[in-house]
Amino acid sequence: MNSYLSSNLKRSLDLFISILVLPIAIVLIALGALMILITNGGAVFYSQNRVGIDGVEFKIFKLRTLLRNATGDLAGMTKNDPQIFFVGRYLRRWRIDELPQVFNILTGDMSWVGPRPERPHLVAKFSTEFDNYQSRHQALPGITGLAQINLPDATPNDTVKKLPYDIEYVSKADLLLDLRILWKTIRAIG
């Protein structure tokens, strides 16, 4: 087990970045919520159960980017999905839809860097398909991660490609790797 993943250093980094980002995040979340209300109406936030560290479920929070009647297990998982409404495309492009996850980080359910959390039914499916799938749950799930910077458009259907990056992160994670992943994420958004 990689001791950095549960270290005070990693938690301190998460809290430091969250406190730094929080004022800007609140403004952007409020603007995004307003744009959702004006253009699409309905609920502005979206929550869903995801599987986190040690297989424990938690609720993830996002700004809603899909039409109110969106259906299908992979709804919104591809860049050009017609179920993503107009403003939702921009919220996703600039990753503003992910900003409510800062609160998941503050509560300790997530980290800035780690394997992306997946839905429970997909975790159950992938755990039977891939012998080492559960090893990715040795780390807190992250807003960004090694798989995200290497495969930015990957969907759950690409788990066979993403899993090696998640396993590599769990085994090699340290402060320098987290900082490199964060820097590459910032550059990709800009």
C-alpha atoms as a PDB file:
ATOM      1  CA  MET A   1       0.000   0.000   0.000  1.00  0.00           C
ATOM      2  CA  ASN A   2       1.296   3.438  -0.969  1.00  0.00           C
ATOM      3  CA  SER A   3       1.553   5.449   2.275  1.00  0.00           C
ATOM      4  CA  TYR A   4       1.319   8.803   0.454  1.00  0.00           C
ATOM      5  CA  LEU A   5      -2.322   8.074  -0.449  1.00  0.00           C
ATOM      6  CA  SER A   6      -3.399   8.259   3.205  1.00  0.00           C
ATOM      7  CA  SER A   7      -0.798  10.777   4.341  1.00  0.00           C
ATOM      8  CA  ASN A   8      -1.325  14.134   6.007  1.00  0.00           C
ATOM      9  CA  LEU A   9       0.677  15.644   3.140  1.00  0.00           C
ATOM     10  CA  LYS A  10      -1.868  14.558   0.515  1.00  0.00           C
ATOM     11  CA  ARG A  11      -4.792  15.678   2.692  1.00  0.00           C
ATOM     12  CA  SER A  12      -3.071  19.017   3.351  1.00  0.00           C
ATOM     13  CA  LEU A  13      -2.577  19.535  -0.396  1.00  0.00           C
ATOM     14  CA  ASP A  14      -6.272  18.803  -0.990  1.00  0.00           C
ATOM     15  CA  LEU A  15      -7.368  21.249   1.715  1.00  0.00           C
ATOM     16  CA  PHE A  16      -4.904  23.955   0.634  1.00  0.00           C
ATOM     17  CA  ILE A  17      -6.043  23.841  -3.006  1.00  0.00           C
ATOM     18  CA  SER A  18      -9.721  23.649  -1.986  1.00  0.00           C
ATOM     19  CA  ILE A  19      -9.466  26.724   0.248  1.00  0.00           C
ATOM     20  CA  LEU A  20      -7.584  28.567  -2.502  1.00  0.00           C
ATOM     21  CA  VAL A  21     -10.130  27.607  -5.178  1.00  0.00           C
ATOM     22  CA  LEU A  22     -13.311  27.867  -3.074  1.00  0.00           C
ATOM     23  CA  PRO A  23     -14.074  31.609  -3.527  1.00  0.00           C
ATOM     24  CA  ILE A  24     -13.685  31.376  -7.313  1.00  0.00           C
ATOM     25  CA  ALA A  25     -15.536  28.044  -7.392  1.00  0.00           C
ATOM     26  CA  ILE A  26     -18.530  29.487  -5.531  1.00  0.00           C
ATOM     27  CA  VAL A  27     -18.805  32.365  -8.027  1.00  0.00           C
ATOM     28  CA  LEU A  28     -18.480  30.041 -11.039  1.00  0.00           C
ATOM     29  CA  ILE A  29     -20.949  27.536  -9.560  1.00  0.00           C
ATOM     30  CA  ALA A  30     -23.449  30.363  -8.968  1.00  0.00           C
ATOM     31  CA  LEU A  31     -23.019  31.665 -12.532  1.00  0.00           C
ATOM     32  CA  GLY A  32     -23.320  28.139 -13.942  1.00  0.00           C
ATOM     33  CA  ALA A  33     -26.450  27.499 -11.861  1.00  0.00           C
ATOM     34  CA  LEU A  34     -27.973  30.762 -13.093  1.00  0.00           C
ATOM     35  CA  MET A  35     -27.232  29.859 -16.734  1.00  0.00           C
ATOM     36  CA  ILE A  36     -28.809  26.423 -16.247  1.00  0.00           C
ATOM     37  CA  LEU A  37     -31.950  28.007 -14.744  1.00  0.00           C
ATOM     38  CA  ILE A  38     -32.238  30.587 -17.522  1.00  0.00           C
ATOM     39  CA  THR A  39     -31.591  28.263 -20.461  1.00  0.00           C
ATOM     40  CA  ASN A  40     -32.901  24.873 -19.357  1.00  0.00           C
ATOM     41  CA  GLY A  41     -34.802  25.256 -16.083  1.00  0.00           C
ATOM     42  CA  GLY A  42     -35.197  22.559 -13.500  1.00  0.00           C
ATOM     43  CA  ALA A  43     -32.662  21.334 -10.984  1.00  0.00           C
ATOM     44  CA  VAL A  44     -29.214  22.884 -11.310  1.00  0.00           C
ATOM     45  CA  PHE A  45     -27.342  20.312  -9.247  1.00  0.00           C
ATOM     46  CA  TYR A  46     -26.948  16.631  -9.904  1.00  0.00           C
ATOM     47  CA  SER A  47     -25.896  13.995  -7.414  1.00  0.00           C
ATOM     48  CA  GLN A  48     -25.157  10.339  -7.912  1.00  0.00           C
ATOM     49  CA  ASN A  49     -23.793   7.484  -5.815  1.00  0.00           C
ATOM     50  CA  ARG A  50     -20.203   6.625  -6.622  1.00  0.00           C
ATOM     51  CA  VAL A  51     -17.704   4.166  -5.174  1.00  0.00           C
ATOM     52  CA  GLY A  52     -14.782   5.662  -3.282  1.00  0.00           C
ATOM     53  CA  ILE A  53     -11.857   4.517  -1.209  1.00  0.00           C
ATOM     54  CA  ASP A  54     -12.099   0.954   0.132  1.00  0.00           C
ATOM     55  CA  GLY A  55     -15.285   0.459  -1.903  1.00  0.00           C
ATOM     56  CA  VAL A  56     -17.350   2.819   0.269  1.00  0.00           C
ATOM     57  CA  GLU A  57     -20.170   4.610  -1.559  1.00  0.00           C
ATOM     58  CA  PHE A  58     -20.648   8.368  -1.384  1.00  0.00           C
ATOM     59  CA  LYS A  59     -22.664  11.017  -3.226  1.00  0.00           C
ATOM     60  CA  ILE A  60     -20.846  13.027  -5.868  1.00  0.00           C
ATOM     61  CA  PHE A  61     -22.100  16.513  -6.741  1.00  0.00           C
ATOM     62  CA  LYS A  62     -22.021  18.265 -10.112  1.00  0.00           C
ATOM     63  CA  LEU A  63     -23.807  21.006 -11.992  1.00  0.00           C
ATOM     64  CA  ARG A  64     -26.392  19.440 -14.302  1.00  0.00           C
ATOM     65  CA  THR A  65     -25.377  19.465 -17.974  1.00  0.00           C
ATOM     66  CA  LEU A  66     -27.900  17.003 -19.427  1.00  0.00           C
ATOM     67  CA  LEU A  67     -31.446  17.645 -20.558  1.00  0.00           C
ATOM     68  CA  ARG A  68     -34.012  16.989 -17.834  1.00  0.00           C
ATOM     69  CA  ASN A  69     -35.296  13.868 -19.623  1.00  0.00           C
ATOM     70  CA  ALA A  70     -31.873  12.389 -20.473  1.00  0.00           C
ATOM     71  CA  THR A  71     -31.836   8.587 -20.484  1.00  0.00           C
ATOM     72  CA  GLY A  72     -29.407   5.737 -20.890  1.00  0.00           C
ATOM     73  CA  ASP A  73     -26.523   4.356 -18.871  1.00  0.00           C
ATOM     74  CA  LEU A  74     -23.979   6.292 -20.924  1.00  0.00           C
ATOM     75  CA  ALA A  75     -25.979   9.537 -21.155  1.00  0.00           C
ATOM     76  CA  GLY A  76     -23.570  12.428 -21.366  1.00  0.00           C
ATOM     77  CA  MET A  77     -20.478  10.250 -21.498  1.00  0.00           C
ATOM     78  CA  THR A  78     -19.428  11.326 -24.983  1.00  0.00           C
ATOM     79  CA  LYS A  79     -18.482  14.851 -26.016  1.00  0.00           C
ATOM     80  CA  ASN A  80     -21.151  15.132 -28.728  1.00  0.00           C
ATOM     81  CA  ASP A  81     -24.052  13.487 -26.887  1.00  0.00           C
ATOM     82  CA  PRO A  82     -27.225  15.317 -28.020  1.00  0.00           C
ATOM     83  CA  GLN A  83     -28.583  15.002 -24.466  1.00  0.00           C
ATOM     84  CA  ILE A  84     -26.059  17.623 -23.276  1.00  0.00           C
ATOM     85  CA  PHE A  85     -27.815  20.985 -23.527  1.00  0.00           C
ATOM     86  CA  PHE A  86     -26.141  24.053 -25.069  1.00  0.00           C
ATOM     87  CA  VAL A  87     -24.920  25.733 -21.859  1.00  0.00           C
ATOM     88  CA  GLY A  88     -24.000  22.303 -20.480  1.00  0.00           C
ATOM     89  CA  ARG A  89     -21.423  21.939 -23.258  1.00  0.00           C
ATOM     90  CA  TYR A  90     -19.626  25.072 -22.053  1.00  0.00           C
ATOM     91  CA  LEU A  91     -19.891  24.067 -18.407  1.00  0.00           C
ATOM     92  CA  ARG A  92     -18.199  20.787 -19.341  1.00  0.00           C
ATOM     93  CA  ARG A  93     -15.639  22.379 -21.663  1.00  0.00           C
ATOM     94  CA  TRP A  94     -14.365  24.598 -18.842  1.00  0.00           C
ATOM     95  CA  ARG A  95     -14.964  21.863 -16.198  1.00  0.00           C
ATOM     96  CA  ILE A  96     -17.264  24.205 -14.259  1.00  0.00           C
ATOM     97  CA  ASP A  97     -19.746  21.329 -13.873  1.00  0.00           C
ATOM     98  CA  GLU A  98     -17.134  19.531 -11.719  1.00  0.00           C
ATOM     99  CA  LEU A  99     -16.587  22.410  -9.263  1.00  0.00           C
ATOM    100  CA  PRO A 100     -19.235  21.281  -6.721  1.00  0.00           C
ATOM    101  CA  GLN A 101     -16.895  18.341  -6.079  1.00  0.00           C
ATOM    102  CA  VAL A 102     -14.727  20.762  -4.087  1.00  0.00           C
ATOM    103  CA  PHE A 103     -17.248  20.081  -1.311  1.00  0.00           C
ATOM    104  CA  ASN A 104     -16.654  16.316  -1.751  1.00  0.00           C
ATOM    105  CA  ILE A 105     -12.957  17.043  -1.234  1.00  0.00           C
ATOM    106  CA  LEU A 106     -13.568  19.167   1.850  1.00  0.00           C
ATOM    107  CA  THR A 107     -15.642  16.362   3.431  1.00  0.00           C
ATOM    108  CA  GLY A 108     -12.886  13.833   2.678  1.00  0.00           C
ATOM    109  CA  ASP A 109     -14.826  11.716   0.146  1.00  0.00           C
ATOM    110  CA  MET A 110     -12.576  12.770  -2.732  1.00  0.00           C
ATOM    111  CA  SER A 111      -9.152  14.189  -3.521  1.00  0.00           C
ATOM    112  CA  TRP A 112      -8.031  16.560  -6.241  1.00  0.00           C
ATOM    113  CA  VAL A 113      -6.017  13.714  -7.790  1.00  0.00           C
ATOM    114  CA  GLY A 114      -6.973  10.036  -7.935  1.00  0.00           C
ATOM    115  CA  PRO A 115      -8.892   7.555 -10.056  1.00  0.00           C
ATOM    116  CA  ARG A 116     -12.275   8.949 -11.127  1.00  0.00           C
ATOM    117  CA  PRO A 117     -15.080   7.481  -9.004  1.00  0.00           C
ATOM    118  CA  GLU A 118     -17.425   5.132 -10.811  1.00  0.00           C
ATOM    119  CA  ARG A 119     -21.053   4.153 -10.297  1.00  0.00           C
ATOM    120  CA  PRO A 120     -21.682   1.084  -8.086  1.00  0.00           C
ATOM    121  CA  HIS A 121     -23.212  -1.103 -10.819  1.00  0.00           C
ATOM    122  CA  LEU A 122     -20.236  -0.457 -13.105  1.00  0.00           C
ATOM    123  CA  VAL A 123     -17.778  -1.190 -10.282  1.00  0.00           C
ATOM    124  CA  ALA A 124     -19.534  -4.532  -9.746  1.00  0.00           C
ATOM    125  CA  LYS A 125     -19.340  -5.284 -13.478  1.00  0.00           C
ATOM    126  CA  PHE A 126     -15.693  -4.237 -13.906  1.00  0.00           C
ATOM    127  CA  SER A 127     -14.663  -6.108 -10.749  1.00  0.00           C
ATOM    128  CA  THR A 128     -15.732  -9.358 -12.414  1.00  0.00           C
ATOM    129  CA  GLU A 129     -14.121  -8.452 -15.752  1.00  0.00           C
ATOM    130  CA  PHE A 130     -10.748  -7.232 -14.433  1.00  0.00           C
ATOM    131  CA  ASP A 131      -8.911  -9.095 -11.659  1.00  0.00           C
ATOM    132  CA  ASN A 132      -7.097  -6.001 -10.414  1.00  0.00           C
ATOM    133  CA  TYR A 133      -9.958  -3.493 -10.727  1.00  0.00           C
ATOM    134  CA  GLN A 134     -10.503  -3.168  -6.958  1.00  0.00           C
ATOM    135  CA  SER A 135      -6.910  -2.000  -6.439  1.00  0.00           C
ATOM    136  CA  ARG A 136      -7.929   1.436  -7.749  1.00  0.00           C
ATOM    137  CA  HIS A 137     -10.040   1.816  -4.580  1.00  0.00           C
ATOM    138  CA  GLN A 138      -6.896   2.055  -2.435  1.00  0.00           C
ATOM    139  CA  ALA A 139      -6.899   5.792  -3.205  1.00  0.00           C
ATOM    140  CA  LEU A 140      -9.487   8.476  -2.696  1.00  0.00           C
ATOM    141  CA  PRO A 141     -11.188   9.138  -6.018  1.00  0.00           C
ATOM    142  CA  GLY A 142     -10.146  12.358  -7.700  1.00  0.00           C
ATOM    143  CA  ILE A 143     -11.510  15.170  -9.814  1.00  0.00           C
ATOM    144  CA  THR A 144      -8.557  14.553 -12.106  1.00  0.00           C
ATOM    145  CA  GLY A 145      -6.077  11.737 -12.433  1.00  0.00           C
ATOM    146  CA  LEU A 146      -3.478   9.989 -14.516  1.00  0.00           C
ATOM    147  CA  ALA A 147      -6.143   8.353 -16.701  1.00  0.00           C
ATOM    148  CA  GLN A 148      -7.913  11.690 -17.261  1.00  0.00           C
ATOM    149  CA  ILE A 149      -4.812  13.506 -18.484  1.00  0.00           C
ATOM    150  CA  ASN A 150      -3.811  10.623 -20.766  1.00  0.00           C
ATOM    151  CA  LEU A 151      -7.302   9.696 -22.004  1.00  0.00           C
ATOM    152  CA  PRO A 152      -9.389  12.881 -21.632  1.00  0.00           C
ATOM    153  CA  ASP A 153     -12.352  11.631 -23.695  1.00  0.00           C
ATOM    154  CA  ALA A 154     -12.515   8.117 -22.234  1.00  0.00           C
ATOM    155  CA  THR A 155     -15.872   6.711 -21.103  1.00  0.00           C
ATOM    156  CA  PRO A 156     -16.627   3.719 -18.856  1.00  0.00           C
ATOM    157  CA  ASN A 157     -16.472   1.625 -22.042  1.00  0.00           C
ATOM    158  CA  ASP A 158     -12.746   2.464 -22.115  1.00  0.00           C
ATOM    159  CA  THR A 159     -12.016   0.957 -18.700  1.00  0.00           C
ATOM    160  CA  VAL A 160      -9.561  -1.506 -20.231  1.00  0.00           C
ATOM    161  CA  LYS A 161      -7.468   1.517 -21.337  1.00  0.00           C
ATOM    162  CA  LYS A 162      -7.993   3.597 -18.166  1.00  0.00           C
ATOM    163  CA  LEU A 163      -7.336   0.887 -15.583  1.00  0.00           C
ATOM    164  CA  PRO A 164      -3.545   0.643 -16.145  1.00  0.00           C
ATOM    165  CA  TYR A 165      -3.244   4.399 -15.474  1.00  0.00           C
ATOM    166  CA  ASP A 166      -5.336   4.104 -12.284  1.00  0.00           C
ATOM    167  CA  ILE A 167      -3.213   1.202 -11.038  1.00  0.00           C
ATOM    168  CA  GLU A 168      -0.011   3.071 -11.918  1.00  0.00           C
ATOM    169  CA  TYR A 169      -1.261   6.085  -9.945  1.00  0.00           C
ATOM    170  CA  VAL A 170      -2.104   3.988  -6.883  1.00  0.00           C
ATOM    171  CA  SER A 171       1.351   2.407  -6.867  1.00  0.00           C
ATOM    172  CA  LYS A 172       3.447   5.495  -7.738  1.00  0.00           C
ATOM    173  CA  ALA A 173       1.494   8.398  -6.217  1.00  0.00           C
ATOM    174  CA  ASP A 174       3.527  11.059  -4.477  1.00  0.00           C
ATOM    175  CA  LEU A 175       3.456  14.832  -4.127  1.00  0.00           C
ATOM    176  CA  LEU A 176       5.408  15.431  -7.328  1.00  0.00           C
ATOM    177  CA  LEU A 177       3.095  13.207  -9.396  1.00  0.00           C
ATOM    178  CA  ASP A 178       0.024  14.949  -7.954  1.00  0.00           C
ATOM    179  CA  LEU A 179       1.482  18.357  -8.835  1.00  0.00           C
ATOM    180  CA  ARG A 180       2.318  17.212 -12.385  1.00  0.00           C
ATOM    181  CA  ILE A 181      -1.213  15.852 -12.904  1.00  0.00           C
ATOM    182  CA  LEU A 182      -2.748  19.074 -11.557  1.00  0.00           C
ATOM    183  CA  TRP A 183      -0.522  21.185 -13.824  1.00  0.00           C
ATOM    184  CA  LYS A 184      -1.412  19.121 -16.911  1.00  0.00           C
ATOM    185  CA  THR A 185      -5.105  19.374 -15.987  1.00  0.00           C
ATOM    186  CA  ILE A 186      -4.895  23.166 -15.706  1.00  0.00           C
ATOM    187  CA  ARG A 187      -3.106  23.382 -19.057  1.00  0.00           C
ATOM    188  CA  ALA A 188      -5.747  21.153 -20.716  1.00  0.00           C
ATOM    189  CA  ILE A 189      -8.594  23.365 -19.493  1.00  0.00           C
ATOM    190  CA  GLY A 190      -6.923  26.604 -20.605  1.00  0.00           C
END
